[in-house]
Every structure is written in structure tokens, then in C-alpha cells.
Amino acid sequence: MKADTPIALANLTQMTEDERELLVNRIRERRLAPVRAYEELTAAQALVRKDKLEIQWTKQMEMFTKDLARADKAMETLEKRGTKLRAIKLEVEDL
């Protein structure tokens, strides 16, 4: 089969059925190459985005846990102060 280039086009009428099928497959592969590259790039970008989101999620969970611990400590402190205030009030009432 003669090469099918932009300068020297192949003569389809002189090709066998197998040669035409091969030519069509080569054209198909040439056209699909950029699509495959785009799909691979898109998949890689999605993977990178997922990794970044997982890192962000982990950091946010760590901060949430710390904030929750601080809130628990603050609630304990408030409960102790409330108890002290009630004890002082009872003592004042007894006087």
C-alpha cells in the first residue's frame, strides 16, 4: 500500500479491501489520539483534585476535633463556675 500523506494521497480504487480497512483504522487512531490524551489528562486532574480535597478534609477534621475539645473544656469550666455560683448563693441565703 502506498503511503497516505497530504502530498501523496492513496488511491482508494487501487487498494484491496484489507488495505482500505487498514487505512480507515489508521485514520481512526490518528483522530482518537487527542481524545485519549484529553481523557487521560482529565482523569489525572480529577485524581489530583481528589487528593487535594482529601488533604483539605483531613485538615478540617483536625481543626474540628481541636475546636470540639476546646468547647468541651469551656463547657466544663462553665459548669464548675455555675456550681460555685449556686454554692455562694446558698451560702449568702444562709447568712
Protein backbone atom coordinates (compact mmCIF):
# COMPACT_ATOMS: atom_id res chain seq x y z
CA MET A 1 0.00 0.00 0.00
CA LYS A 2 1.29 3.42 -0.89
CA ALA A 3 1.65 5.88 1.94
CA ASP A 4 -1.33 8.12 2.53
CA THR A 5 0.16 11.54 3.13
CA PRO A 6 -1.26 15.01 2.47
CA ILE A 7 1.06 15.30 -0.54
CA ALA A 8 0.72 11.78 -1.94
CA LEU A 9 -2.80 10.59 -1.31
CA ALA A 10 -3.50 6.89 -1.61
CA ASN A 11 -5.71 5.80 -4.48
CA LEU A 12 -8.66 4.04 -2.85
CA THR A 13 -9.78 2.38 -6.07
CA GLN A 14 -6.48 0.53 -6.41
CA MET A 15 -6.43 -0.73 -2.82
CA THR A 16 -7.61 -4.09 -1.64
CA GLU A 17 -10.34 -4.34 0.97
CA ASP A 18 -7.75 -5.07 3.68
CA GLU A 19 -5.66 -2.04 2.68
CA ARG A 20 -8.73 0.22 2.82
CA GLU A 21 -9.67 -1.18 6.22
CA LEU A 22 -6.11 -0.58 7.44
CA LEU A 23 -6.21 2.99 6.11
CA VAL A 24 -9.53 3.67 7.86
CA ASN A 25 -8.17 2.21 11.11
CA ARG A 26 -5.06 4.40 10.90
CA ILE A 27 -7.21 7.49 10.32
CA ARG A 28 -9.41 6.50 13.25
CA GLU A 29 -6.38 6.03 15.50
CA ARG A 30 -4.95 9.40 14.45
CA ARG A 31 -8.23 11.13 15.28
CA LEU A 32 -8.67 9.28 18.58
CA ALA A 33 -5.15 10.03 19.86
CA PRO A 34 -6.00 13.59 21.05
CA VAL A 35 -9.25 12.34 22.60
CA ARG A 36 -7.36 9.68 24.55
CA ALA A 37 -4.76 12.23 25.65
CA TYR A 38 -7.55 14.56 26.81
CA GLU A 39 -9.28 11.76 28.72
CA GLU A 40 -6.01 10.75 30.41
CA LEU A 41 -5.30 14.37 31.35
CA THR A 42 -8.81 14.85 32.69
CA ALA A 43 -8.53 11.69 34.77
CA ALA A 44 -5.16 12.80 36.14
CA GLN A 45 -6.57 16.23 37.02
CA ALA A 46 -9.54 14.63 38.77
CA LEU A 47 -7.17 12.43 40.78
CA VAL A 48 -5.08 15.45 41.80
CA ARG A 49 -8.25 17.34 42.77
CA LYS A 50 -9.46 14.37 44.82
CA ASP A 51 -6.11 14.18 46.62
CA LYS A 52 -6.23 17.91 47.41
CA LEU A 53 -9.78 17.61 48.70
CA GLU A 54 -8.84 14.67 50.90
CA ILE A 55 -5.97 16.71 52.37
CA GLN A 56 -8.32 19.64 52.99
CA TRP A 57 -10.86 17.31 54.59
CA THR A 58 -8.23 15.85 56.91
CA LYS A 59 -7.05 19.31 57.99
CA GLN A 60 -10.61 20.49 58.58
CA MET A 61 -11.38 17.38 60.63
CA GLU A 62 -8.28 18.00 62.77
CA MET A 63 -9.34 21.61 63.36
CA PHE A 64 -12.90 20.48 64.14
CA THR A 65 -11.60 17.98 66.68
CA LYS A 66 -9.47 20.65 68.37
CA ASP A 67 -12.40 23.09 68.41
CA LEU A 68 -14.65 20.43 69.87
CA ALA A 69 -12.11 19.70 72.62
CA ARG A 70 -11.91 23.42 73.43
CA ALA A 71 -15.70 23.65 73.51
CA ASP A 72 -15.89 20.66 75.86
CA LYS A 73 -13.33 22.26 78.16
CA ALA A 74 -15.22 25.55 78.10
CA MET A 75 -18.49 23.75 78.96
CA GLU A 76 -16.79 22.01 81.92
CA THR A 77 -15.45 25.36 83.12
CA LEU A 78 -18.91 26.94 82.83
CA GLU A 79 -20.48 24.07 84.73
CA LYS A 80 -17.90 24.41 87.54
CA ARG A 81 -18.46 28.17 87.75
CA GLY A 82 -22.22 27.68 87.77
CA THR A 83 -21.86 25.21 90.63
CA LYS A 84 -19.64 27.67 92.55
CA LEU A 85 -22.16 30.47 91.96
CA ARG A 86 -25.01 28.30 93.29
CA ALA A 87 -22.92 27.37 96.35
CA ILE A 88 -22.12 31.04 97.00
CA LYS A 89 -25.79 31.99 96.57
CA LEU A 90 -26.87 29.29 99.03
CA GLU A 91 -24.24 30.46 101.50
CA VAL A 92 -25.39 34.07 101.13
CA GLU A 93 -29.03 32.99 101.72
CA ASP A 94 -27.99 31.14 104.88
CA LEU A 95 -26.44 34.32 106.35
